[in-house]
Amino acid sequence: MPSPADGRPVAEPVGVLAVVGDLVEDIVVWTSEPVRAATDTAAEVFRARGGSGANVAAHAASRVPTRFVGRIGTDAAGDALVADLAERGVDVRVQRDGRTGTVVLLVDADGERSMFPDRAAAARLDRVDDAWLDGVAWLHVPAYGFEREPMRSEVVRLAGVAHAAGAQVSMDASSTGLLTGLGIDRALGLLRSAAPDVLFANEDEAALLGLTGGGEVAASVAPIVVIKHGSLPTDVVEAGELISRIDVPPVTGIRDLTGAGDAFAAGFLAATLGGADAAAACVAGHASAASVLTSPGAHAAR
């Protein structure tokens, strides 16, 4: 029987966690000195499987039956990325067209990232076979899917399909750059149209969206809003009210924050599907997030 991070037993997960999103190649650049314009900067470079949606699926698959739905290119990179997810126990369902996306991540000595995404085929997900959501108890979608059409409309449609089948839906606010590019009013409208049961956001995303501390905006977006504050306690907002703050255990040797939010979501959702409440699910999410902080990209440290 699975247990959350605090060791208390929970029920066996019921149904499948489906994640709709990007599956791309990450080129992770760890700089060991400040970037020196117009010349060389000392660095280590790593290649890794990436994409917020794929990261969530990869971390969740060891805890709960997990399916990934996305779009990749008709190329060797796409083949390798699908194989990587499948090896981790993910049921992979992908459309194929064009070229597979790539994200370059420039990570400074403090672990903070600057990202240069080229989503390519990933952003063109469209007309997903509804049967790919058969047996799904929970659908998770990063808001990166809202960036452009046709995926934007497809994300909203798939959330509706999941709700109609009795599944829960969660979303991640994903990126301040994304939210600013969409426009805050438009981003809020899109979130409301998908009607997530749970919304994840970090403190900067929450501030942009007007979710900090709860209130009417938070209540209008999702029944539960989980706001992460890095090493500071995580806020759980229910029906617009701040109901709990969950401490984050300290982590030593942090080198790369890439994928920490995705790993958190995976731990949280797997625990929730196992019967945990939001506070216990945050504990599981924190443990999952800690596993990626010392290694390149969103992969757990070996």
Protein backbone atom coordinates (compact mmCIF):
# COMPACT_ATOMS: atom_id res chain seq x y z
CA MET A 1 0.00 0.00 0.00
CA PRO A 2 1.47 3.42 -0.92
CA SER A 3 2.20 6.02 1.74
CA PRO A 4 2.65 9.79 1.64
CA ALA A 5 6.00 11.27 2.61
CA ASP A 6 5.11 11.31 6.34
CA GLY A 7 4.68 7.51 6.32
CA ARG A 8 0.90 7.32 6.88
CA PRO A 9 -0.79 4.70 4.67
CA VAL A 10 -3.25 5.82 2.02
CA ALA A 11 -5.63 3.91 -0.22
CA GLU A 12 -4.55 2.42 -3.50
CA PRO A 13 -5.00 5.01 -6.31
CA VAL A 14 -8.24 4.68 -8.25
CA GLY A 15 -8.07 5.32 -12.00
CA VAL A 16 -5.43 6.87 -14.20
CA LEU A 17 -3.68 10.24 -13.98
CA ALA A 18 -3.52 11.72 -17.48
CA VAL A 19 -1.20 14.61 -18.27
CA VAL A 20 -1.65 16.70 -21.42
CA GLY A 21 1.30 18.86 -22.36
CA ASP A 22 4.75 19.19 -23.88
CA LEU A 23 7.37 16.51 -24.45
CA VAL A 24 10.58 18.23 -25.59
CA GLU A 25 14.33 17.98 -25.32
CA ASP A 26 15.98 20.17 -22.67
CA ILE A 27 19.46 21.55 -23.24
CA VAL A 28 20.55 22.48 -19.72
CA VAL A 29 23.48 24.88 -19.35
CA TRP A 30 24.97 25.17 -15.87
CA THR A 31 27.11 28.28 -15.76
CA SER A 32 29.92 28.40 -13.22
CA GLU A 33 30.50 32.15 -13.51
CA PRO A 34 28.44 35.19 -14.52
CA VAL A 35 27.60 35.23 -18.22
CA ARG A 36 30.30 37.11 -20.14
CA ALA A 37 28.73 38.86 -23.10
CA ALA A 38 30.36 38.45 -26.53
CA THR A 39 32.88 35.85 -25.33
CA ASP A 40 33.14 32.48 -23.56
CA THR A 41 31.49 31.63 -20.24
CA ALA A 42 32.55 28.50 -18.34
CA ALA A 43 29.71 25.98 -18.23
CA GLU A 44 28.57 22.36 -18.14
CA VAL A 45 25.96 21.30 -20.72
CA PHE A 46 23.48 18.45 -20.30
CA ARG A 47 20.71 16.97 -22.46
CA ALA A 48 17.55 15.76 -20.73
CA ARG A 49 13.93 14.92 -21.36
CA GLY A 50 11.83 18.00 -20.73
CA GLY A 51 8.42 19.56 -21.06
CA SER A 52 6.31 20.44 -18.02
CA GLY A 53 3.64 17.86 -18.82
CA ALA A 54 6.14 15.09 -19.51
CA ASN A 55 7.99 15.91 -16.30
CA VAL A 56 4.82 15.52 -14.23
CA ALA A 57 4.03 12.21 -15.92
CA ALA A 58 7.57 10.87 -15.42
CA HIS A 59 7.55 11.64 -11.69
CA ALA A 60 4.01 10.39 -11.10
CA ALA A 61 4.35 7.06 -12.92
CA SER A 62 6.13 5.30 -10.06
CA ARG A 63 3.27 6.25 -7.74
CA VAL A 64 0.07 5.99 -9.80
CA PRO A 65 -0.97 4.68 -13.25
CA THR A 66 -0.05 7.56 -15.53
CA ARG A 67 -0.72 8.46 -19.16
CA PHE A 68 0.89 11.24 -21.18
CA VAL A 69 -0.84 12.92 -24.13
CA GLY A 70 1.09 15.26 -26.41
CA ARG A 71 2.60 15.93 -29.82
CA ILE A 72 6.17 15.37 -31.01
CA GLY A 73 8.06 15.49 -34.27
CA THR A 74 8.67 12.73 -36.78
CA ASP A 75 12.33 12.54 -35.83
CA ALA A 76 14.87 10.61 -33.78
CA ALA A 77 14.60 13.10 -30.92
CA GLY A 78 10.91 12.34 -30.59
CA ASP A 79 11.59 8.59 -30.67
CA ALA A 80 14.11 8.92 -27.84
CA LEU A 81 11.82 11.06 -25.69
CA VAL A 82 8.90 8.65 -26.06
CA ALA A 83 11.19 5.75 -25.15
CA ASP A 84 12.41 7.62 -22.06
CA LEU A 85 8.86 8.18 -20.78
CA ALA A 86 7.81 4.61 -21.55
CA GLU A 87 10.83 3.25 -19.66
CA ARG A 88 9.59 5.16 -16.62
CA GLY A 89 6.24 3.37 -16.76
CA VAL A 90 4.22 6.05 -18.53
CA ASP A 91 1.50 5.07 -21.02
CA VAL A 92 2.54 7.40 -23.86
CA ARG A 93 -0.03 8.62 -26.43
CA VAL A 94 1.42 11.07 -28.94
CA GLN A 95 0.55 12.67 -32.25
CA ARG A 96 3.51 13.12 -34.62
CA ASP A 97 4.20 15.97 -37.01
CA GLY A 98 7.14 18.16 -38.02
CA ARG A 99 9.99 18.48 -35.55
CA THR A 100 10.26 17.86 -31.84
CA GLY A 101 10.58 20.90 -29.60
CA THR A 102 13.66 22.01 -27.68
CA VAL A 103 14.12 24.22 -24.64
CA VAL A 104 17.48 25.77 -23.73
CA LEU A 105 17.78 26.43 -19.99
CA LEU A 106 20.51 28.71 -18.70
CA VAL A 107 20.97 27.92 -15.00
CA ASP A 108 23.03 30.23 -12.83
CA ALA A 109 25.13 29.24 -9.81
CA ASP A 110 22.11 29.77 -7.50
CA GLY A 111 19.97 27.34 -9.49
CA GLU A 112 17.70 29.96 -11.05
CA ARG A 113 16.81 29.47 -14.71
CA SER A 114 16.35 31.56 -17.82
CA MET A 115 14.47 29.55 -20.46
CA PHE A 116 14.47 29.77 -24.26
CA PRO A 117 11.60 27.56 -25.47
CA ASP A 118 11.02 26.38 -29.02
CA ARG A 119 7.95 24.18 -28.50
CA ALA A 120 7.65 23.26 -32.22
CA ALA A 121 5.26 20.28 -32.65
CA ALA A 122 4.31 20.31 -28.95
CA ALA A 123 2.33 23.53 -29.36
CA ARG A 124 0.20 22.11 -32.20
CA LEU A 125 -1.67 19.43 -30.26
CA ASP A 126 -5.18 19.20 -31.72
CA ARG A 127 -8.12 16.83 -32.18
CA VAL A 128 -7.04 14.37 -29.53
CA ASP A 129 -8.93 11.08 -29.63
CA ASP A 130 -11.33 11.20 -26.67
CA ALA A 131 -10.57 7.51 -26.08
CA TRP A 132 -7.11 8.60 -24.89
CA LEU A 133 -8.88 9.81 -21.73
CA ASP A 134 -10.71 6.52 -21.09
CA GLY A 135 -10.35 5.39 -17.49
CA VAL A 136 -8.91 8.72 -16.38
CA ALA A 137 -9.67 9.80 -12.82
CA TRP A 138 -7.60 12.99 -12.97
CA LEU A 139 -6.42 15.21 -15.83
CA HIS A 140 -3.51 17.60 -15.32
CA VAL A 141 -2.58 20.30 -17.83
CA PRO A 142 0.16 22.94 -17.55
CA ALA A 143 -1.02 26.37 -18.73
CA TYR A 144 1.73 26.35 -21.36
CA GLY A 145 -0.98 24.71 -23.46
CA PHE A 146 -2.76 28.08 -23.56
CA GLU A 147 0.11 29.77 -25.37
CA ARG A 148 -1.35 29.44 -28.88
CA GLU A 149 -3.96 27.79 -31.04
CA PRO A 150 -4.93 25.09 -31.81
CA MET A 151 -3.71 23.66 -28.50
CA ARG A 152 -5.35 26.45 -26.50
CA SER A 153 -8.87 25.43 -27.53
CA GLU A 154 -8.02 21.74 -27.32
CA VAL A 155 -6.91 22.06 -23.70
CA VAL A 156 -10.25 23.62 -22.77
CA ARG A 157 -12.12 20.93 -24.71
CA LEU A 158 -10.20 18.09 -23.07
CA ALA A 159 -10.87 19.55 -19.62
CA GLY A 160 -14.56 19.48 -20.51
CA VAL A 161 -14.30 15.85 -21.67
CA ALA A 162 -12.61 14.91 -18.40
CA HIS A 163 -15.20 16.70 -16.27
CA ALA A 164 -18.05 15.08 -18.21
CA ALA A 165 -16.53 11.66 -17.46
CA GLY A 166 -16.40 12.46 -13.75
CA ALA A 167 -12.66 13.12 -13.57
CA GLN A 168 -10.98 15.88 -11.58
CA VAL A 169 -8.87 18.48 -13.42
CA SER A 170 -5.79 20.41 -12.32
CA MET A 171 -3.72 23.08 -14.00
CA ASP A 172 -0.38 24.74 -13.35
CA ALA A 173 0.01 28.48 -13.98
CA SER A 174 3.37 27.55 -15.58
CA SER A 175 5.17 30.84 -16.23
CA THR A 176 5.03 34.56 -15.54
CA GLY A 177 6.24 35.10 -19.11
CA LEU A 178 3.33 33.06 -20.46
CA LEU A 179 0.78 34.86 -18.30
CA THR A 180 2.12 38.29 -19.22
CA GLY A 181 2.16 37.38 -22.90
CA LEU A 182 -1.45 36.25 -22.80
CA GLY A 183 -2.55 39.21 -20.71
CA ILE A 184 -3.74 38.63 -17.15
CA ASP A 185 -7.47 39.05 -17.85
CA ARG A 186 -7.24 36.64 -20.77
CA ALA A 187 -5.20 34.15 -18.74
CA LEU A 188 -7.77 34.21 -15.95
CA GLY A 189 -10.56 33.74 -18.48
CA LEU A 190 -8.85 30.72 -19.98
CA LEU A 191 -8.28 29.18 -16.56
CA ARG A 192 -11.93 29.68 -15.66
CA SER A 193 -13.01 28.12 -18.97
CA ALA A 194 -11.02 24.98 -18.12
CA ALA A 195 -12.54 24.99 -14.61
CA PRO A 196 -9.73 23.22 -12.75
CA ASP A 197 -10.48 21.66 -9.39
CA VAL A 198 -6.90 22.48 -8.32
CA LEU A 199 -4.59 25.23 -9.57
CA PHE A 200 -0.86 25.25 -8.80
CA ALA A 201 1.09 28.53 -8.91
CA ASN A 202 4.37 29.83 -7.56
CA GLU A 203 4.40 33.10 -5.66
CA ASP A 204 5.23 35.27 -8.71
CA GLU A 205 2.51 33.66 -10.83
CA ALA A 206 0.03 33.97 -7.98
CA ALA A 207 0.86 37.65 -7.54
CA LEU A 208 0.34 38.34 -11.25
CA LEU A 209 -3.01 36.55 -11.25
CA GLY A 210 -4.20 38.19 -8.01
CA LEU A 211 -4.36 34.92 -6.08
CA THR A 212 -2.02 35.72 -3.19
CA GLY A 213 -3.67 35.12 0.17
CA GLY A 214 -6.91 33.95 -1.44
CA GLY A 215 -9.93 36.14 -2.11
CA GLU A 216 -12.60 36.37 -4.79
CA VAL A 217 -10.26 35.93 -7.75
CA ALA A 218 -8.78 32.75 -6.29
CA ALA A 219 -12.26 31.41 -5.54
CA SER A 220 -13.37 32.13 -9.11
CA VAL A 221 -10.47 30.21 -10.66
CA ALA A 222 -10.40 26.94 -8.71
CA PRO A 223 -11.88 25.43 -5.51
CA ILE A 224 -8.32 24.71 -4.35
CA VAL A 225 -5.33 26.93 -5.16
CA VAL A 226 -1.88 25.77 -4.06
CA ILE A 227 0.68 28.60 -3.92
CA LYS A 228 4.36 27.65 -3.61
CA HIS A 229 6.90 30.01 -2.07
CA GLY A 230 10.16 28.20 -2.70
CA SER A 231 11.71 27.24 0.64
CA LEU A 232 8.98 29.09 2.56
CA PRO A 233 5.68 27.41 3.52
CA THR A 234 3.24 26.45 0.79
CA ASP A 235 -0.23 28.04 0.99
CA VAL A 236 -3.40 26.03 0.48
CA VAL A 237 -6.38 28.20 -0.44
CA GLU A 238 -9.85 26.64 -0.49
CA ALA A 239 -12.91 28.54 -1.74
CA GLY A 240 -10.87 31.73 -1.59
CA GLU A 241 -9.79 31.24 2.05
CA LEU A 242 -6.24 30.51 3.18
CA ILE A 243 -6.72 27.35 5.24
CA SER A 244 -3.20 26.08 5.83
CA ARG A 245 0.50 26.74 5.37
CA ILE A 246 2.66 23.66 4.94
CA ASP A 247 6.33 23.91 5.90
CA VAL A 248 8.94 22.93 3.31
CA PRO A 249 11.74 20.70 4.66
CA PRO A 250 15.20 22.18 4.01
CA VAL A 251 17.20 20.83 1.07
CA THR A 252 20.99 21.09 0.90
CA GLY A 253 23.10 21.30 -2.23
CA ILE A 254 20.47 22.91 -4.46
CA ARG A 255 21.89 23.42 -7.96
CA ASP A 256 18.99 23.49 -10.43
CA LEU A 257 15.35 24.50 -9.84
CA THR A 258 14.24 23.14 -13.21
CA GLY A 259 11.21 20.89 -12.90
CA ALA A 260 10.74 21.32 -9.16
CA GLY A 261 7.20 22.59 -9.66
CA ASP A 262 6.40 19.69 -11.98
CA ALA A 263 7.75 17.18 -9.48
CA PHE A 264 5.69 18.87 -6.75
CA ALA A 265 2.54 18.52 -8.85
CA ALA A 266 3.29 14.84 -9.49
CA GLY A 267 3.71 14.08 -5.79
CA PHE A 268 0.64 16.12 -4.85
CA LEU A 269 -1.61 14.51 -7.45
CA ALA A 270 -0.46 10.95 -6.77
CA ALA A 271 -1.11 11.46 -3.05
CA THR A 272 -4.51 13.01 -3.75
CA LEU A 273 -5.51 10.06 -5.93
CA GLY A 274 -4.47 7.85 -3.01
CA GLY A 275 -6.88 9.65 -0.70
CA ALA A 276 -4.69 12.32 0.90
CA ASP A 277 -6.09 15.73 1.78
CA ALA A 278 -4.49 18.90 0.39
CA ALA A 279 -2.13 19.37 3.35
CA ALA A 280 -0.83 15.79 3.21
CA ALA A 281 -0.59 16.03 -0.58
CA CYS A 282 1.65 19.10 -0.18
CA VAL A 283 3.97 17.07 2.05
CA ALA A 284 4.23 14.45 -0.69
CA GLY A 285 4.74 17.22 -3.25
CA HIS A 286 7.60 18.74 -1.28
CA ALA A 287 9.39 15.39 -1.05
CA SER A 288 9.00 14.86 -4.79
CA ALA A 289 10.24 18.37 -5.62
CA ALA A 290 13.32 17.90 -3.43
CA SER A 291 14.38 14.94 -5.56
CA VAL A 292 15.24 17.13 -8.58
CA LEU A 293 17.02 20.06 -6.99
CA THR A 294 20.56 18.72 -7.11
CA SER A 295 20.62 17.31 -10.66
CA PRO A 296 20.44 18.81 -14.17
CA GLY A 297 16.98 19.48 -15.56
CA ALA A 298 13.83 17.87 -14.20
CA HIS A 299 15.30 14.42 -13.57
CA ALA A 300 15.58 13.09 -10.03
CA ALA A 301 19.08 12.75 -8.65
CA ARG A 302 20.45 9.23 -8.95
